[in-house]
Amino acid sequence: MPRYYITLPDPTKARGSDPSLAFTAHGADGFAEQLQTALTGTGLFERWRAKQEDPDDVNDAMAATDPSAKVKGTQHDLKIDLVVDTVLPGEVLRQRLRLLAGSGWQLRDVT
């Protein structure tokens, strides 16, 4: 299973452009929990799809979930590191992160 190493350099700025879809967390555990929920369930994706001009045109592959996905968060000074174990394609993970964190995240490594 791929492991993604993600950093939120400034967690206060790790917010997507749509507040109804964005992270609301403030601590490492909260960010990890919200990302894990976004990967294991369809809630975030379905809320995003409903906001699209033509929801039926959205690529169904982007709705993929991984019920066994795990996310662990740790705080290091001001930044938060997230370790994500998931079988989801990188494209799906990136889309969920953009919704949640906007551009306030960095992919550090994949193993």
PDB file of N, CA and C in Angstrom:
ATOM      1  N   MET A   1       0.857  -1.181   0.000  1.00  0.00           N
ATOM      2  CA  MET A   1       0.000   0.000   0.000  1.00  0.00           C
ATOM      3  C   MET A   1       0.892   1.229   0.000  1.00  0.00           C
ATOM      4  N   PRO A   2       0.640   2.152  -0.924  1.00  0.00           N
ATOM      5  CA  PRO A   2       1.441   3.383  -0.953  1.00  0.00           C
ATOM      6  C   PRO A   2       1.285   4.192   0.334  1.00  0.00           C
ATOM      7  N   ARG A   3       2.360   4.861   0.697  1.00  0.00           N
ATOM      8  CA  ARG A   3       2.368   5.760   1.857  1.00  0.00           C
ATOM      9  C   ARG A   3       2.788   7.137   1.363  1.00  0.00           C
ATOM     10  N   TYR A   4       1.946   8.128   1.662  1.00  0.00           N
ATOM     11  CA  TYR A   4       2.184   9.508   1.259  1.00  0.00           C
ATOM     12  C   TYR A   4       2.573  10.315   2.489  1.00  0.00           C
ATOM     13  N   TYR A   5       3.626  11.116   2.354  1.00  0.00           N
ATOM     14  CA  TYR A   5       4.084  11.998   3.429  1.00  0.00           C
ATOM     15  C   TYR A   5       3.737  13.435   3.024  1.00  0.00           C
ATOM     16  N   ILE A   6       2.841  14.032   3.784  1.00  0.00           N
ATOM     17  CA  ILE A   6       2.307  15.351   3.458  1.00  0.00           C
ATOM     18  C   ILE A   6       2.602  16.308   4.605  1.00  0.00           C
ATOM     19  N   THR A   7       2.933  17.541   4.269  1.00  0.00           N
ATOM     20  CA  THR A   7       3.183  18.571   5.272  1.00  0.00           C
ATOM     21  C   THR A   7       2.212  19.718   5.068  1.00  0.00           C
ATOM     22  N   LEU A   8       1.693  20.198   6.182  1.00  0.00           N
ATOM     23  CA  LEU A   8       0.923  21.448   6.203  1.00  0.00           C
ATOM     24  C   LEU A   8       1.845  22.464   6.861  1.00  0.00           C
ATOM     25  N   PRO A   9       2.594  23.256   6.065  1.00  0.00           N
ATOM     26  CA  PRO A   9       3.602  24.160   6.627  1.00  0.00           C
ATOM     27  C   PRO A   9       3.008  25.192   7.582  1.00  0.00           C
ATOM     28  N   ASP A  10       1.824  25.670   7.266  1.00  0.00           N
ATOM     29  CA  ASP A  10       1.128  26.641   8.109  1.00  0.00           C
ATOM     30  C   ASP A  10      -0.324  26.189   8.203  1.00  0.00           C
ATOM     31  N   PRO A  11      -0.647  25.400   9.218  1.00  0.00           N
ATOM     32  CA  PRO A  11      -1.995  24.834   9.321  1.00  0.00           C
ATOM     33  C   PRO A  11      -3.116  25.873   9.295  1.00  0.00           C
ATOM     34  N   THR A  12      -2.849  27.088   9.719  1.00  0.00           N
ATOM     35  CA  THR A  12      -3.900  28.111   9.697  1.00  0.00           C
ATOM     36  C   THR A  12      -4.256  28.509   8.263  1.00  0.00           C
ATOM     37  N   LYS A  13      -3.347  28.246   7.317  1.00  0.00           N
ATOM     38  CA  LYS A  13      -3.597  28.561   5.908  1.00  0.00           C
ATOM     39  C   LYS A  13      -3.989  27.322   5.101  1.00  0.00           C
ATOM     40  N   ALA A  14      -4.062  26.169   5.754  1.00  0.00           N
ATOM     41  CA  ALA A  14      -4.432  24.923   5.073  1.00  0.00           C
ATOM     42  C   ALA A  14      -5.946  24.823   5.021  1.00  0.00           C
ATOM     43  N   ARG A  15      -6.526  25.668   4.198  1.00  0.00           N
ATOM     44  CA  ARG A  15      -7.979  25.741   4.066  1.00  0.00           C
ATOM     45  C   ARG A  15      -8.324  25.880   2.585  1.00  0.00           C
ATOM     46  N   GLY A  16      -9.232  25.052   2.124  1.00  0.00           N
ATOM     47  CA  GLY A  16      -9.683  25.143   0.744  1.00  0.00           C
ATOM     48  C   GLY A  16     -10.451  26.433   0.508  1.00  0.00           C
ATOM     49  N   SER A  17     -10.701  26.743  -0.758  1.00  0.00           N
ATOM     50  CA  SER A  17     -11.360  27.997  -1.115  1.00  0.00           C
ATOM     51  C   SER A  17     -12.842  28.015  -0.748  1.00  0.00           C
ATOM     52  N   ASP A  18     -13.455  26.858  -0.597  1.00  0.00           N
ATOM     53  CA  ASP A  18     -14.866  26.775  -0.219  1.00  0.00           C
ATOM     54  C   ASP A  18     -14.941  26.327   1.245  1.00  0.00           C
ATOM     55  N   PRO A  19     -15.303  27.220   2.153  1.00  0.00           N
ATOM     56  CA  PRO A  19     -15.324  26.876   3.581  1.00  0.00           C
ATOM     57  C   PRO A  19     -16.213  25.677   3.926  1.00  0.00           C
ATOM     58  N   SER A  20     -17.219  25.399   3.101  1.00  0.00           N
ATOM     59  CA  SER A  20     -18.089  24.255   3.395  1.00  0.00           C
ATOM     60  C   SER A  20     -17.424  22.921   3.073  1.00  0.00           C
ATOM     61  N   LEU A  21     -16.290  22.959   2.375  1.00  0.00           N
ATOM     62  CA  LEU A  21     -15.550  21.747   2.026  1.00  0.00           C
ATOM     63  C   LEU A  21     -14.187  21.690   2.712  1.00  0.00           C
ATOM     64  N   ALA A  22     -13.723  22.798   3.234  1.00  0.00           N
ATOM     65  CA  ALA A  22     -12.359  22.936   3.736  1.00  0.00           C
ATOM     66  C   ALA A  22     -12.171  22.327   5.126  1.00  0.00           C
ATOM     67  N   PHE A  23     -10.903  22.076   5.446  1.00  0.00           N
ATOM     68  CA  PHE A  23     -10.539  21.673   6.802  1.00  0.00           C
ATOM     69  C   PHE A  23     -11.113  22.668   7.805  1.00  0.00           C
ATOM     70  N   THR A  24     -11.550  22.166   8.931  1.00  0.00           N
ATOM     71  CA  THR A  24     -11.941  23.008  10.059  1.00  0.00           C
ATOM     72  C   THR A  24     -11.063  22.712  11.262  1.00  0.00           C
ATOM     73  N   ALA A  25     -10.192  21.743  11.134  1.00  0.00           N
ATOM     74  CA  ALA A  25      -9.344  21.282  12.235  1.00  0.00           C
ATOM     75  C   ALA A  25      -8.318  22.338  12.637  1.00  0.00           C
ATOM     76  N   HIS A  26      -7.792  22.174  13.862  1.00  0.00           N
ATOM     77  CA  HIS A  26      -6.744  23.060  14.357  1.00  0.00           C
ATOM     78  C   HIS A  26      -5.520  22.293  14.835  1.00  0.00           C
ATOM     79  N   GLY A  27      -5.652  21.011  15.128  1.00  0.00           N
ATOM     80  CA  GLY A  27      -4.526  20.221  15.608  1.00  0.00           C
ATOM     81  C   GLY A  27      -4.236  19.047  14.690  1.00  0.00           C
ATOM     82  N   ALA A  28      -3.092  18.421  14.888  1.00  0.00           N
ATOM     83  CA  ALA A  28      -2.653  17.313  14.038  1.00  0.00           C
ATOM     84  C   ALA A  28      -3.680  16.185  13.995  1.00  0.00           C
ATOM     85  N   ASP A  29      -4.228  15.815  15.143  1.00  0.00           N
ATOM     86  CA  ASP A  29      -5.206  14.724  15.168  1.00  0.00           C
ATOM     87  C   ASP A  29      -6.463  15.090  14.386  1.00  0.00           C
ATOM     88  N   GLY A  30      -6.892  16.334  14.495  1.00  0.00           N
ATOM     89  CA  GLY A  30      -8.081  16.785  13.778  1.00  0.00           C
ATOM     90  C   GLY A  30      -7.892  16.780  12.274  1.00  0.00           C
ATOM     91  N   PHE A  31      -6.730  17.275  11.802  1.00  0.00           N
ATOM     92  CA  PHE A  31      -6.449  17.248  10.365  1.00  0.00           C
ATOM     93  C   PHE A  31      -6.412  15.808   9.864  1.00  0.00           C
ATOM     94  N   ALA A  32      -5.749  14.932  10.627  1.00  0.00           N
ATOM     95  CA  ALA A  32      -5.658  13.530  10.225  1.00  0.00           C
ATOM     96  C   ALA A  32      -7.042  12.896  10.153  1.00  0.00           C
ATOM     97  N   GLU A  33      -7.865  13.159  11.136  1.00  0.00           N
ATOM     98  CA  GLU A  33      -9.209  12.574  11.165  1.00  0.00           C
ATOM     99  C   GLU A  33     -10.048  13.063   9.985  1.00  0.00           C
ATOM    100  N   GLN A  34      -9.995  14.361   9.692  1.00  0.00           N
ATOM    101  CA  GLN A  34     -10.797  14.895   8.592  1.00  0.00           C
ATOM    102  C   GLN A  34     -10.324  14.370   7.237  1.00  0.00           C
ATOM    103  N   LEU A  35      -9.010  14.240   7.043  1.00  0.00           N
ATOM    104  CA  LEU A  35      -8.506  13.686   5.789  1.00  0.00           C
ATOM    105  C   LEU A  35      -8.880  12.213   5.677  1.00  0.00           C
ATOM    106  N   GLN A  36      -8.745  11.476   6.760  1.00  0.00           N
ATOM    107  CA  GLN A  36      -9.103  10.057   6.728  1.00  0.00           C
ATOM    108  C   GLN A  36     -10.580   9.885   6.367  1.00  0.00           C
ATOM    109  N   THR A  37     -11.441  10.699   6.936  1.00  0.00           N
ATOM    110  CA  THR A  37     -12.868  10.642   6.618  1.00  0.00           C
ATOM    111  C   THR A  37     -13.104  10.936   5.139  1.00  0.00           C
ATOM    112  N   ALA A  38     -12.345  11.895   4.578  1.00  0.00           N
ATOM    113  CA  ALA A  38     -12.490  12.253   3.164  1.00  0.00           C
ATOM    114  C   ALA A  38     -12.035  11.126   2.242  1.00  0.00           C
ATOM    115  N   LEU A  39     -11.140  10.274   2.716  1.00  0.00           N
ATOM    116  CA  LEU A  39     -10.633   9.176   1.898  1.00  0.00           C
ATOM    117  C   LEU A  39     -11.460   7.903   2.047  1.00  0.00           C
ATOM    118  N   THR A  40     -12.035   7.705   3.218  1.00  0.00           N
ATOM    119  CA  THR A  40     -12.772   6.463   3.475  1.00  0.00           C
ATOM    120  C   THR A  40     -14.246   6.558   3.109  1.00  0.00           C
ATOM    121  N   GLY A  41     -14.766   7.752   2.987  1.00  0.00           N
ATOM    122  CA  GLY A  41     -16.186   7.928   2.679  1.00  0.00           C
ATOM    123  C   GLY A  41     -16.397   8.841   1.490  1.00  0.00           C
ATOM    124  N   THR A  42     -17.644   8.979   1.088  1.00  0.00           N
ATOM    125  CA  THR A  42     -17.968   9.776  -0.097  1.00  0.00           C
ATOM    126  C   THR A  42     -18.497  11.172   0.237  1.00  0.00           C
ATOM    127  N   GLY A  43     -18.653  11.498   1.504  1.00  0.00           N
ATOM    128  CA  GLY A  43     -19.289  12.756   1.899  1.00  0.00           C
ATOM    129  C   GLY A  43     -18.675  13.992   1.273  1.00  0.00           C
ATOM    130  N   LEU A  44     -17.367  14.176   1.410  1.00  0.00           N
ATOM    131  CA  LEU A  44     -16.703  15.363   0.863  1.00  0.00           C
ATOM    132  C   LEU A  44     -16.869  15.408  -0.655  1.00  0.00           C
ATOM    133  N   PHE A  45     -16.623  14.282  -1.315  1.00  0.00           N
ATOM    134  CA  PHE A  45     -16.743  14.248  -2.768  1.00  0.00           C
ATOM    135  C   PHE A  45     -18.159  14.592  -3.211  1.00  0.00           C
ATOM    136  N   GLU A  46     -19.155  14.018  -2.561  1.00  0.00           N
ATOM    137  CA  GLU A  46     -20.546  14.259  -2.958  1.00  0.00           C
ATOM    138  C   GLU A  46     -20.951  15.715  -2.733  1.00  0.00           C
ATOM    139  N   ARG A  47     -20.474  16.334  -1.652  1.00  0.00           N
ATOM    140  CA  ARG A  47     -20.762  17.754  -1.432  1.00  0.00           C
ATOM    141  C   ARG A  47     -20.133  18.604  -2.528  1.00  0.00           C
ATOM    142  N   TRP A  48     -18.898  18.246  -2.922  1.00  0.00           N
ATOM    143  CA  TRP A  48     -18.222  18.960  -3.997  1.00  0.00           C
ATOM    144  C   TRP A  48     -18.961  18.747  -5.321  1.00  0.00           C
ATOM    145  N   ARG A  49     -19.307  17.498  -5.626  1.00  0.00           N
ATOM    146  CA  ARG A  49     -19.991  17.198  -6.888  1.00  0.00           C
ATOM    147  C   ARG A  49     -21.299  17.993  -6.999  1.00  0.00           C
ATOM    148  N   ALA A  50     -22.048  18.080  -5.919  1.00  0.00           N
ATOM    149  CA  ALA A  50     -23.334  18.787  -5.936  1.00  0.00           C
ATOM    150  C   ALA A  50     -23.168  20.270  -6.286  1.00  0.00           C
ATOM    151  N   LYS A  51     -21.980  20.819  -6.056  1.00  0.00           N
ATOM    152  CA  LYS A  51     -21.725  22.238  -6.324  1.00  0.00           C
ATOM    153  C   LYS A  51     -21.266  22.492  -7.762  1.00  0.00           C
ATOM    154  N   GLN A  52     -21.045  21.424  -8.521  1.00  0.00           N
ATOM    155  CA  GLN A  52     -20.569  21.586  -9.888  1.00  0.00           C
ATOM    156  C   GLN A  52     -21.709  21.997 -10.813  1.00  0.00           C
ATOM    157  N   GLU A  53     -21.362  22.713 -11.873  1.00  0.00           N
ATOM    158  CA  GLU A  53     -22.367  23.187 -12.824  1.00  0.00           C
ATOM    159  C   GLU A  53     -23.164  22.022 -13.410  1.00  0.00           C
ATOM    160  N   ASP A  54     -22.479  20.930 -13.747  1.00  0.00           N
ATOM    161  CA  ASP A  54     -23.150  19.737 -14.258  1.00  0.00           C
ATOM    162  C   ASP A  54     -22.621  18.527 -13.484  1.00  0.00           C
ATOM    163  N   PRO A  55     -23.232  18.226 -12.339  1.00  0.00           N
ATOM    164  CA  PRO A  55     -22.749  17.126 -11.505  1.00  0.00           C
ATOM    165  C   PRO A  55     -22.655  15.785 -12.231  1.00  0.00           C
ATOM    166  N   ASP A  56     -23.493  15.581 -13.238  1.00  0.00           N
ATOM    167  CA  ASP A  56     -23.460  14.318 -13.983  1.00  0.00           C
ATOM    168  C   ASP A  56     -22.230  14.193 -14.873  1.00  0.00           C
ATOM    169  N   ASP A  57     -21.556  15.322 -15.136  1.00  0.00           N
ATOM    170  CA  ASP A  57     -20.354  15.311 -15.974  1.00  0.00           C
ATOM    171  C   ASP A  57     -19.088  14.971 -15.188  1.00  0.00           C
ATOM    172  N   VAL A  58     -19.176  14.900 -13.866  1.00  0.00           N
ATOM    173  CA  VAL A  58     -17.999  14.629 -13.041  1.00  0.00           C
ATOM    174  C   VAL A  58     -17.554  13.178 -13.255  1.00  0.00           C
ATOM    175  N   ASN A  59     -16.265  13.000 -13.418  1.00  0.00           N
ATOM    176  CA  ASN A  59     -15.682  11.676 -13.615  1.00  0.00           C
ATOM    177  C   ASN A  59     -15.938  10.806 -12.381  1.00  0.00           C
ATOM    178  N   ASP A  60     -16.659   9.712 -12.558  1.00  0.00           N
ATOM    179  CA  ASP A  60     -17.000   8.827 -11.444  1.00  0.00           C
ATOM    180  C   ASP A  60     -15.774   8.206 -10.771  1.00  0.00           C
ATOM    181  N   ALA A  61     -14.664   8.132 -11.477  1.00  0.00           N
ATOM    182  CA  ALA A  61     -13.439   7.573 -10.884  1.00  0.00           C
ATOM    183  C   ALA A  61     -12.950   8.425  -9.718  1.00  0.00           C
ATOM    184  N   MET A  62     -13.290   9.708  -9.736  1.00  0.00           N
ATOM    185  CA  MET A  62     -12.868  10.599  -8.655  1.00  0.00           C
ATOM    186  C   MET A  62     -13.656  10.346  -7.368  1.00  0.00           C
ATOM    187  N   ALA A  63     -14.721   9.577  -7.439  1.00  0.00           N
ATOM    188  CA  ALA A  63     -15.531   9.261  -6.259  1.00  0.00           C
ATOM    189  C   ALA A  63     -14.974   8.076  -5.482  1.00  0.00           C
ATOM    190  N   ALA A  64     -13.863   7.523  -5.934  1.00  0.00           N
ATOM    191  CA  ALA A  64     -13.287   6.338  -5.287  1.00  0.00           C
ATOM    192  C   ALA A  64     -13.031   6.577  -3.805  1.00  0.00           C
ATOM    193  N   THR A  65     -13.193   5.520  -3.028  1.00  0.00           N
ATOM    194  CA  THR A  65     -12.890   5.566  -1.595  1.00  0.00           C
ATOM    195  C   THR A  65     -11.997   4.389  -1.240  1.00  0.00           C
ATOM    196  N   ASP A  66     -11.396   4.479  -0.083  1.00  0.00           N
ATOM    197  CA  ASP A  66     -10.554   3.405   0.456  1.00  0.00           C
ATOM    198  C   ASP A  66     -10.954   3.215   1.912  1.00  0.00           C
ATOM    199  N   PRO A  67     -11.856   2.275   2.191  1.00  0.00           N
ATOM    200  CA  PRO A  67     -12.328   2.062   3.558  1.00  0.00           C
ATOM    201  C   PRO A  67     -11.215   1.731   4.553  1.00  0.00           C
ATOM    202  N   SER A  68     -10.068   1.273   4.053  1.00  0.00           N
ATOM    203  CA  SER A  68      -8.965   0.926   4.960  1.00  0.00           C
ATOM    204  C   SER A  68      -7.901   2.022   5.050  1.00  0.00           C
ATOM    205  N   ALA A  69      -8.142   3.181   4.452  1.00  0.00           N
ATOM    206  CA  ALA A  69      -7.161   4.277   4.506  1.00  0.00           C
ATOM    207  C   ALA A  69      -6.931   4.711   5.953  1.00  0.00           C
ATOM    208  N   LYS A  70      -5.684   5.014   6.262  1.00  0.00           N
ATOM    209  CA  LYS A  70      -5.294   5.480   7.598  1.00  0.00           C
ATOM    210  C   LYS A  70      -4.463   6.740   7.447  1.00  0.00           C
ATOM    211  N   VAL A  71      -4.725   7.709   8.320  1.00  0.00           N
ATOM    212  CA  VAL A  71      -3.954   8.949   8.317  1.00  0.00           C
ATOM    213  C   VAL A  71      -3.499   9.227   9.740  1.00  0.00           C
ATOM    214  N   LYS A  72      -2.206   9.488   9.895  1.00  0.00           N
ATOM    215  CA  LYS A  72      -1.643   9.828  11.207  1.00  0.00           C
ATOM    216  C   LYS A  72      -1.059  11.234  11.114  1.00  0.00           C
ATOM    217  N   GLY A  73      -1.390  12.061  12.096  1.00  0.00           N
ATOM    218  CA  GLY A  73      -0.889  13.425  12.110  1.00  0.00           C
ATOM    219  C   GLY A  73       0.016  13.676  13.300  1.00  0.00           C
ATOM    220  N   THR A  74       1.086  14.438  13.063  1.00  0.00           N
ATOM    221  CA  THR A  74       1.977  14.839  14.145  1.00  0.00           C
ATOM    222  C   THR A  74       2.310  16.322  13.980  1.00  0.00           C
ATOM    223  N   GLN A  75       2.427  16.997  15.110  1.00  0.00           N
ATOM    224  CA  GLN A  75       2.754  18.424  15.138  1.00  0.00           C
ATOM    225  C   GLN A  75       4.256  18.568  15.346  1.00  0.00           C
ATOM    226  N   HIS A  76       4.884  19.420  14.544  1.00  0.00           N
ATOM    227  CA  HIS A  76       6.311  19.728  14.674  1.00  0.00           C
ATOM    228  C   HIS A  76       6.444  21.240  14.636  1.00  0.00           C
ATOM    229  N   ASP A  77       6.692  21.830  15.789  1.00  0.00           N
ATOM    230  CA  ASP A  77       6.710  23.289  15.900  1.00  0.00           C
ATOM    231  C   ASP A  77       5.395  23.833  15.351  1.00  0.00           C
ATOM    232  N   LEU A  78       5.444  24.602  14.281  1.00  0.00           N
ATOM    233  CA  LEU A  78       4.218  25.191  13.737  1.00  0.00           C
ATOM    234  C   LEU A  78       3.596  24.365  12.619  1.00  0.00           C
ATOM    235  N   LYS A  79       4.347  23.424  12.053  1.00  0.00           N
ATOM    236  CA  LYS A  79       3.819  22.646  10.932  1.00  0.00           C
ATOM    237  C   LYS A  79       3.218  21.329  11.406  1.00  0.00           C
ATOM    238  N   ILE A  80       2.414  20.747  10.528  1.00  0.00           N
ATOM    239  CA  ILE A  80       1.799  19.450  10.792  1.00  0.00           C
ATOM    240  C   ILE A  80       2.206  18.501   9.681  1.00  0.00           C
ATOM    241  N   ASP A  81       2.644  17.318  10.065  1.00  0.00           N
ATOM    242  CA  ASP A  81       2.972  16.268   9.109  1.00  0.00           C
ATOM    243  C   ASP A  81       1.872  15.219   9.147  1.00  0.00           C
ATOM    244  N   LEU A  82       1.456  14.780   7.966  1.00  0.00           N
ATOM    245  CA  LEU A  82       0.448  13.733   7.838  1.00  0.00           C
ATOM    246  C   LEU A  82       1.057  12.573   7.070  1.00  0.00           C
ATOM    247  N   VAL A  83       0.863  11.369   7.578  1.00  0.00           N
ATOM    248  CA  VAL A  83       1.286  10.161   6.886  1.00  0.00           C
ATOM    249  C   VAL A  83       0.008   9.439   6.479  1.00  0.00           C
ATOM    250  N   VAL A  84      -0.146   9.230   5.176  1.00  0.00           N
ATOM    251  CA  VAL A  84      -1.377   8.677   4.622  1.00  0.00           C
ATOM    252  C   VAL A  84      -1.077   7.330   3.987  1.00  0.00           C
ATOM    253  N   ASP A  85      -1.734   6.299   4.477  1.00  0.00           N
ATOM    254  CA  ASP A  85      -1.659   4.968   3.880  1.00  0.00           C
ATOM    255  C   ASP A  85      -2.977   4.726   3.153  1.00  0.00           C
ATOM    256  N   THR A  86      -2.907   4.623   1.818  1.00  0.00           N
ATOM    257  CA  THR A  86      -4.121   4.424   1.030  1.00  0.00           C
ATOM    258  C   THR A  86      -3.792   3.786  -0.308  1.00  0.00           C
ATOM    259  N   VAL A  87      -4.747   3.050  -0.823  1.00  0.00           N
ATOM    260  CA  VAL A  87      -4.613   2.475  -2.154  1.00  0.00           C
ATOM    261  C   VAL A  87      -5.237   3.380  -3.216  1.00  0.00           C
ATOM    262  N   LEU A  88      -5.791   4.508  -2.799  1.00  0.00           N
ATOM    263  CA  LEU A  88      -6.391   5.438  -3.759  1.00  0.00           C
ATOM    264  C   LEU A  88      -5.326   5.999  -4.697  1.00  0.00           C
ATOM    265  N   PRO A  89      -5.695   6.243  -5.942  1.00  0.00           N
ATOM    266  CA  PRO A  89      -4.746   6.870  -6.866  1.00  0.00           C
ATOM    267  C   PRO A  89      -4.343   8.259  -6.369  1.00  0.00           C
ATOM    268  N   GLY A  90      -3.119   8.654  -6.696  1.00  0.00           N
ATOM    269  CA  GLY A  90      -2.623   9.961  -6.288  1.00  0.00           C
ATOM    270  C   GLY A  90      -3.518  11.103  -6.740  1.00  0.00           C
ATOM    271  N   GLU A  91      -4.139  10.962  -7.911  1.00  0.00           N
ATOM    272  CA  GLU A  91      -5.023  12.002  -8.435  1.00  0.00           C
ATOM    273  C   GLU A  91      -6.215  12.236  -7.493  1.00  0.00           C
ATOM    274  N   VAL A  92      -6.763  11.159  -6.934  1.00  0.00           N
ATOM    275  CA  VAL A  92      -7.895  11.275  -6.015  1.00  0.00           C
ATOM    276  C   VAL A  92      -7.435  11.923  -4.706  1.00  0.00           C
ATOM    277  N   LEU A  93      -6.292  11.480  -4.195  1.00  0.00           N
ATOM    278  CA  LEU A  93      -5.759  12.062  -2.962  1.00  0.00           C
ATOM    279  C   LEU A  93      -5.510  13.560  -3.139  1.00  0.00           C
ATOM    280  N   ARG A  94      -4.900  13.941  -4.245  1.00  0.00           N
ATOM    281  CA  ARG A  94      -4.625  15.364  -4.500  1.00  0.00           C
ATOM    282  C   ARG A  94      -5.908  16.176  -4.583  1.00  0.00           C
ATOM    283  N   GLN A  95      -6.927  15.634  -5.242  1.00  0.00           N
ATOM    284  CA  GLN A  95      -8.193  16.358  -5.359  1.00  0.00           C
ATOM    285  C   GLN A  95      -8.812  16.596  -3.984  1.00  0.00           C
ATOM    286  N   ARG A  96      -8.793  15.574  -3.122  1.00  0.00           N
ATOM    287  CA  ARG A  96      -9.367  15.722  -1.777  1.00  0.00           C
ATOM    288  C   ARG A  96      -8.562  16.719  -0.961  1.00  0.00           C
ATOM    289  N   LEU A  97      -7.246  16.680  -1.097  1.00  0.00           N
ATOM    290  CA  LEU A  97      -6.403  17.635  -0.371  1.00  0.00           C
ATOM    291  C   LEU A  97      -6.624  19.063  -0.857  1.00  0.00           C
ATOM    292  N   ARG A  98      -6.804  19.256  -2.158  1.00  0.00           N
ATOM    293  CA  ARG A  98      -7.074  20.603  -2.669  1.00  0.00           C
ATOM    294  C   ARG A  98      -8.397  21.132  -2.123  1.00  0.00           C
ATOM    295  N   LEU A  99      -9.408  20.265  -2.035  1.00  0.00           N
ATOM    296  CA  LEU A  99     -10.692  20.701  -1.479  1.00  0.00           C
ATOM    297  C   LEU A  99     -10.539  21.079  -0.012  1.00  0.00           C
ATOM    298  N   LEU A 100      -9.811  20.249   0.733  1.00  0.00           N
ATOM    299  CA  LEU A 100      -9.667  20.454   2.175  1.00  0.00           C
ATOM    300  C   LEU A 100      -8.695  21.579   2.517  1.00  0.00           C
ATOM    301  N   ALA A 101      -7.537  21.586   1.850  1.00  0.00           N
ATOM    302  CA  ALA A 101      -6.438  22.467   2.258  1.00  0.00           C
ATOM    303  C   ALA A 101      -6.070  23.532   1.229  1.00  0.00           C
ATOM    304  N   GLY A 102      -6.729  23.558   0.094  1.00  0.00           N
ATOM    305  CA  GLY A 102      -6.340  24.511  -0.940  1.00  0.00           C
ATOM    306  C   GLY A 102      -4.916  24.233  -1.397  1.00  0.00           C
ATOM    307  N   SER A 103      -4.100  25.259  -1.414  1.00  0.00           N
ATOM    308  CA  SER A 103      -2.689  25.080  -1.778  1.00  0.00           C
ATOM    309  C   SER A 103      -1.797  25.028  -0.539  1.00  0.00           C
ATOM    310  N   GLY A 104      -2.396  24.885   0.635  1.00  0.00           N
ATOM    311  CA  GLY A 104      -1.647  24.917   1.888  1.00  0.00           C
ATOM    312  C   GLY A 104      -1.059  23.593   2.318  1.00  0.00           C
ATOM    313  N   TRP A 105      -0.688  22.730   1.354  1.00  0.00           N
ATOM    314  CA  TRP A 105      -0.099  21.441   1.683  1.00  0.00           C
ATOM    315  C   TRP A 105       1.030  21.144   0.698  1.00  0.00           C
ATOM    316  N   GLN A 106       1.919  20.261   1.136  1.00  0.00           N
ATOM    317  CA  GLN A 106       3.043  19.846   0.288  1.00  0.00           C
ATOM    318  C   GLN A 106       3.201  18.336   0.369  1.00  0.00           C
ATOM    319  N   LEU A 107       3.361  17.703  -0.780  1.00  0.00           N
ATOM    320  CA  LEU A 107       3.669  16.281  -0.835  1.00  0.00           C
ATOM    321  C   LEU A 107       5.171  16.153  -0.704  1.00  0.00           C
ATOM    322  N   ARG A 108       5.624  15.507   0.367  1.00  0.00           N
ATOM    323  CA  ARG A 108       7.057  15.392   0.649  1.00  0.00           C
ATOM    324  C   ARG A 108       7.679  14.137   0.039  1.00  0.00           C
ATOM    325  N   ASP A 109       6.917  13.021   0.070  1.00  0.00           N
ATOM    326  CA  ASP A 109       7.488  11.757  -0.395  1.00  0.00           C
ATOM    327  C   ASP A 109       6.351  10.751  -0.575  1.00  0.00           C
ATOM    328  N   VAL A 110       6.635   9.727  -1.367  1.00  0.00           N
ATOM    329  CA  VAL A 110       5.721   8.595  -1.544  1.00  0.00           C
ATOM    330  C   VAL A 110       6.580   7.333  -1.491  1.00  0.00           C
ATOM    331  N   THR A 111       6.171   6.389  -0.681  1.00  0.00           N
ATOM    332  CA  THR A 111       6.901   5.107  -0.626  1.00  0.00           C
ATOM    333  C   THR A 111       5.945   3.973  -0.821  1.00  0.00           C
TER     334      THR A 111
END
